[in-house]
């Protein structure tokens, strides 16, 4: 295994982690922004009001995206296993 293969595997793993975490992070960003906007418009300054909707939305996004995440991780692991077997 040379440096180019290692760099390619690291690049693929970083891209996979971005692909898996981006939807969940975007849901958290959108919900957090919406709650902050509601707080600013209504002048409700409750600190814990931000966390509950954001946590629920993130859990829901993980629940909905879990099959896609599992499929992507299994495909990546199968590719890694095939690559390990092919090394002499």
N, C-alpha and C. Protein backbone atom coordinates (compact mmCIF):
# COMPACT_ATOMS: atom_id res chain seq x y z
N UNK A 1 0.85 -1.17 0.00
CA UNK A 1 0.00 0.00 0.00
C UNK A 1 0.90 1.24 0.00
N UNK A 2 0.74 2.05 -1.01
CA UNK A 2 1.57 3.24 -1.10
C UNK A 2 0.83 4.47 -0.56
N UNK A 3 1.51 5.61 -0.63
CA UNK A 3 0.95 6.83 -0.05
C UNK A 3 -0.32 7.29 -0.74
N UNK A 4 -0.40 7.09 -2.06
CA UNK A 4 -1.58 7.53 -2.79
C UNK A 4 -2.83 6.76 -2.36
N UNK A 5 -2.67 5.47 -2.12
CA UNK A 5 -3.82 4.68 -1.66
C UNK A 5 -4.25 5.10 -0.26
N UNK A 6 -3.29 5.38 0.60
CA UNK A 6 -3.62 5.83 1.95
C UNK A 6 -4.33 7.18 1.90
N UNK A 7 -3.82 8.09 1.10
CA UNK A 7 -4.45 9.40 0.97
C UNK A 7 -5.86 9.27 0.42
N UNK A 8 -6.05 8.38 -0.56
CA UNK A 8 -7.38 8.17 -1.13
C UNK A 8 -8.35 7.59 -0.09
N UNK A 9 -7.88 6.64 0.72
CA UNK A 9 -8.73 6.06 1.76
C UNK A 9 -9.09 7.10 2.82
N UNK A 10 -8.14 7.94 3.19
CA UNK A 10 -8.42 8.99 4.16
C UNK A 10 -9.41 9.99 3.58
N UNK A 11 -9.24 10.35 2.31
CA UNK A 11 -10.16 11.28 1.66
C UNK A 11 -11.57 10.70 1.62
N UNK A 12 -11.67 9.42 1.27
CA UNK A 12 -12.98 8.77 1.22
C UNK A 12 -13.64 8.71 2.60
N UNK A 13 -12.85 8.44 3.62
CA UNK A 13 -13.43 8.37 4.97
C UNK A 13 -13.87 9.74 5.46
N UNK A 14 -13.13 10.79 5.14
CA UNK A 14 -13.53 12.14 5.52
C UNK A 14 -14.80 12.54 4.78
N UNK A 15 -14.87 12.24 3.50
CA UNK A 15 -16.08 12.56 2.73
C UNK A 15 -17.29 11.79 3.26
N UNK A 16 -17.09 10.54 3.65
CA UNK A 16 -18.18 9.75 4.20
C UNK A 16 -18.67 10.34 5.52
N UNK A 17 -17.76 10.76 6.37
CA UNK A 17 -18.17 11.36 7.64
C UNK A 17 -18.91 12.68 7.41
N UNK A 18 -18.52 13.44 6.41
CA UNK A 18 -19.23 14.68 6.08
C UNK A 18 -20.62 14.35 5.54
N UNK A 19 -20.71 13.34 4.66
CA UNK A 19 -22.01 12.95 4.10
C UNK A 19 -22.96 12.47 5.18
N UNK A 20 -22.45 11.79 6.18
CA UNK A 20 -23.31 11.25 7.23
C UNK A 20 -23.71 12.31 8.24
N UNK A 21 -22.85 13.25 8.52
CA UNK A 21 -23.15 14.23 9.57
C UNK A 21 -23.83 15.49 9.03
N UNK A 22 -23.68 15.79 7.76
CA UNK A 22 -24.22 17.05 7.21
C UNK A 22 -25.74 17.16 7.35
N UNK A 23 -26.53 16.14 7.01
CA UNK A 23 -27.98 16.32 7.16
C UNK A 23 -28.41 16.59 8.60
N UNK A 24 -27.80 15.89 9.55
CA UNK A 24 -28.16 16.08 10.95
C UNK A 24 -27.75 17.47 11.42
N UNK A 25 -26.58 17.92 11.02
CA UNK A 25 -26.12 19.24 11.40
C UNK A 25 -26.99 20.34 10.77
N UNK A 26 -27.42 20.14 9.52
CA UNK A 26 -28.27 21.13 8.87
C UNK A 26 -29.63 21.21 9.56
N UNK A 27 -30.18 20.07 9.98
CA UNK A 27 -31.45 20.09 10.71
C UNK A 27 -31.29 20.87 12.01
N UNK A 28 -30.20 20.63 12.73
CA UNK A 28 -29.94 21.36 13.96
C UNK A 28 -29.79 22.85 13.71
N UNK A 29 -29.13 23.21 12.62
CA UNK A 29 -28.94 24.62 12.28
C UNK A 29 -30.27 25.29 11.96
N UNK A 30 -31.09 24.63 11.15
CA UNK A 30 -32.37 25.21 10.75
C UNK A 30 -33.30 25.37 11.96
N UNK A 31 -33.39 24.33 12.79
CA UNK A 31 -34.27 24.40 13.95
C UNK A 31 -33.76 25.43 14.95
N UNK A 32 -32.46 25.48 15.18
CA UNK A 32 -31.90 26.47 16.08
C UNK A 32 -32.14 27.89 15.61
N UNK A 33 -32.01 28.12 14.31
CA UNK A 33 -32.26 29.44 13.76
C UNK A 33 -33.74 29.82 13.87
N UNK A 34 -34.62 28.85 13.60
CA UNK A 34 -36.05 29.11 13.70
C UNK A 34 -36.45 29.44 15.14
N UNK A 35 -35.94 28.69 16.09
CA UNK A 35 -36.26 28.94 17.50
C UNK A 35 -35.69 30.29 17.94
N UNK A 36 -34.49 30.60 17.50
CA UNK A 36 -33.90 31.90 17.85
C UNK A 36 -34.71 33.04 17.25
N UNK A 37 -35.22 32.85 16.04
CA UNK A 37 -36.05 33.88 15.42
C UNK A 37 -37.35 34.06 16.19
N UNK A 38 -37.97 32.96 16.59
CA UNK A 38 -39.19 33.05 17.40
C UNK A 38 -38.91 33.73 18.73
N UNK A 39 -37.78 33.39 19.34
CA UNK A 39 -37.42 34.04 20.61
C UNK A 39 -37.21 35.54 20.42
N UNK A 40 -36.58 35.92 19.33
CA UNK A 40 -36.33 37.34 19.09
C UNK A 40 -37.63 38.09 18.80
N UNK A 41 -38.55 37.44 18.09
CA UNK A 41 -39.80 38.11 17.75
C UNK A 41 -40.74 38.22 18.95
N UNK A 42 -40.74 37.22 19.82
CA UNK A 42 -41.65 37.23 20.97
C UNK A 42 -40.98 37.74 22.24
N UNK A 43 -39.71 37.96 22.20
CA UNK A 43 -38.91 38.42 23.33
C UNK A 43 -38.97 37.46 24.52
N UNK A 44 -39.10 36.18 24.22
CA UNK A 44 -39.01 35.14 25.26
C UNK A 44 -37.54 34.76 25.36
N UNK A 45 -36.94 34.98 26.50
CA UNK A 45 -35.52 34.72 26.65
C UNK A 45 -35.27 33.53 27.58
N UNK A 46 -35.92 32.43 27.31
CA UNK A 46 -35.71 31.21 28.08
C UNK A 46 -34.55 30.43 27.44
N UNK A 47 -33.55 30.12 28.25
CA UNK A 47 -32.35 29.46 27.74
C UNK A 47 -32.64 28.04 27.29
N UNK A 48 -33.45 27.33 28.04
CA UNK A 48 -33.70 25.92 27.72
C UNK A 48 -34.65 25.75 26.55
N UNK A 49 -35.30 26.81 26.11
CA UNK A 49 -36.24 26.72 24.99
C UNK A 49 -35.54 26.33 23.69
N UNK A 50 -34.29 26.66 23.56
CA UNK A 50 -33.55 26.34 22.34
C UNK A 50 -33.21 24.85 22.27
N UNK A 51 -32.91 24.23 23.39
CA UNK A 51 -32.35 22.89 23.38
C UNK A 51 -33.38 21.80 23.09
N UNK A 52 -34.56 21.89 23.65
CA UNK A 52 -35.53 20.80 23.50
C UNK A 52 -35.96 20.61 22.04
N UNK A 53 -36.39 21.65 21.32
CA UNK A 53 -36.76 21.42 19.91
C UNK A 53 -35.58 20.96 19.06
N UNK A 54 -34.39 21.49 19.36
CA UNK A 54 -33.22 21.12 18.58
C UNK A 54 -32.86 19.65 18.81
N UNK A 55 -32.90 19.20 20.05
CA UNK A 55 -32.58 17.80 20.35
C UNK A 55 -33.61 16.87 19.72
N UNK A 56 -34.89 17.23 19.82
CA UNK A 56 -35.94 16.40 19.22
C UNK A 56 -35.79 16.33 17.70
N UNK A 57 -35.49 17.45 17.07
CA UNK A 57 -35.31 17.47 15.61
C UNK A 57 -34.09 16.67 15.19
N UNK A 58 -33.01 16.74 15.96
CA UNK A 58 -31.81 15.98 15.63
C UNK A 58 -32.05 14.49 15.80
N UNK A 59 -32.74 14.10 16.88
CA UNK A 59 -33.07 12.68 17.06
C UNK A 59 -33.96 12.19 15.92
N UNK A 60 -34.92 12.99 15.49
CA UNK A 60 -35.79 12.60 14.39
C UNK A 60 -34.99 12.48 13.09
N UNK A 61 -34.06 13.41 12.85
CA UNK A 61 -33.23 13.34 11.63
C UNK A 61 -32.35 12.10 11.65
N UNK A 62 -31.80 11.75 12.81
CA UNK A 62 -31.00 10.53 12.91
C UNK A 62 -31.87 9.31 12.67
N UNK A 63 -33.08 9.31 13.25
CA UNK A 63 -34.00 8.18 13.08
C UNK A 63 -34.38 8.00 11.61
N UNK A 64 -34.66 9.09 10.92
CA UNK A 64 -35.03 9.01 9.51
C UNK A 64 -33.83 8.63 8.64
N UNK A 65 -32.66 9.17 8.95
CA UNK A 65 -31.48 8.94 8.12
C UNK A 65 -30.67 7.71 8.46
N UNK A 66 -31.06 6.99 9.51
CA UNK A 66 -30.27 5.84 9.95
C UNK A 66 -30.14 4.74 8.90
N UNK A 67 -31.17 4.39 8.13
CA UNK A 67 -30.97 3.37 7.09
C UNK A 67 -29.95 3.81 6.03
N UNK A 68 -29.99 5.07 5.63
CA UNK A 68 -29.02 5.57 4.64
C UNK A 68 -27.62 5.57 5.22
N UNK A 69 -27.50 5.96 6.49
CA UNK A 69 -26.19 5.98 7.13
C UNK A 69 -25.62 4.57 7.26
N UNK A 70 -26.46 3.63 7.64
CA UNK A 70 -26.02 2.24 7.78
C UNK A 70 -25.58 1.67 6.44
N UNK A 71 -26.34 1.94 5.40
CA UNK A 71 -25.98 1.45 4.06
C UNK A 71 -24.64 2.02 3.61
N UNK A 72 -24.44 3.31 3.82
CA UNK A 72 -23.18 3.94 3.41
C UNK A 72 -22.00 3.37 4.19
N UNK A 73 -22.17 3.15 5.49
CA UNK A 73 -21.09 2.59 6.31
C UNK A 73 -20.79 1.15 5.93
N UNK A 74 -21.82 0.37 5.64
CA UNK A 74 -21.60 -1.03 5.24
C UNK A 74 -20.88 -1.09 3.90
N UNK A 75 -21.29 -0.25 2.95
CA UNK A 75 -20.60 -0.22 1.65
C UNK A 75 -19.14 0.17 1.81
N UNK A 76 -18.87 1.16 2.67
CA UNK A 76 -17.49 1.59 2.88
C UNK A 76 -16.67 0.47 3.54
N UNK A 77 -17.27 -0.22 4.50
CA UNK A 77 -16.57 -1.32 5.16
C UNK A 77 -16.32 -2.47 4.21
N UNK A 78 -17.28 -2.76 3.34
CA UNK A 78 -17.06 -3.81 2.33
C UNK A 78 -15.93 -3.43 1.38
N UNK A 79 -15.88 -2.16 0.99
CA UNK A 79 -14.79 -1.70 0.13
C UNK A 79 -13.44 -1.83 0.84
N UNK A 80 -13.41 -1.47 2.13
CA UNK A 80 -12.17 -1.61 2.89
C UNK A 80 -11.76 -3.08 3.04
N UNK A 81 -12.73 -3.93 3.32
CA UNK A 81 -12.43 -5.36 3.47
C UNK A 81 -11.91 -5.94 2.15
N UNK A 82 -12.53 -5.58 1.03
CA UNK A 82 -12.03 -6.03 -0.27
C UNK A 82 -10.64 -5.53 -0.53
N UNK A 83 -10.36 -4.30 -0.14
CA UNK A 83 -9.04 -3.72 -0.34
C UNK A 83 -8.00 -4.43 0.52
N UNK A 84 -8.36 -4.77 1.76
CA UNK A 84 -7.44 -5.47 2.66
C UNK A 84 -7.13 -6.87 2.13
N UNK A 85 -8.16 -7.54 1.61
CA UNK A 85 -7.96 -8.90 1.09
C UNK A 85 -7.07 -8.88 -0.14
N UNK A 86 -7.19 -7.83 -0.97
CA UNK A 86 -6.43 -7.77 -2.22
C UNK A 86 -4.97 -7.39 -2.02
N UNK A 87 -4.60 -6.90 -0.83
CA UNK A 87 -3.20 -6.55 -0.56
C UNK A 87 -2.38 -7.81 -0.40
N UNK A 88 -1.25 -7.84 -1.06
CA UNK A 88 -0.38 -9.03 -1.00
C UNK A 88 0.69 -8.84 0.03
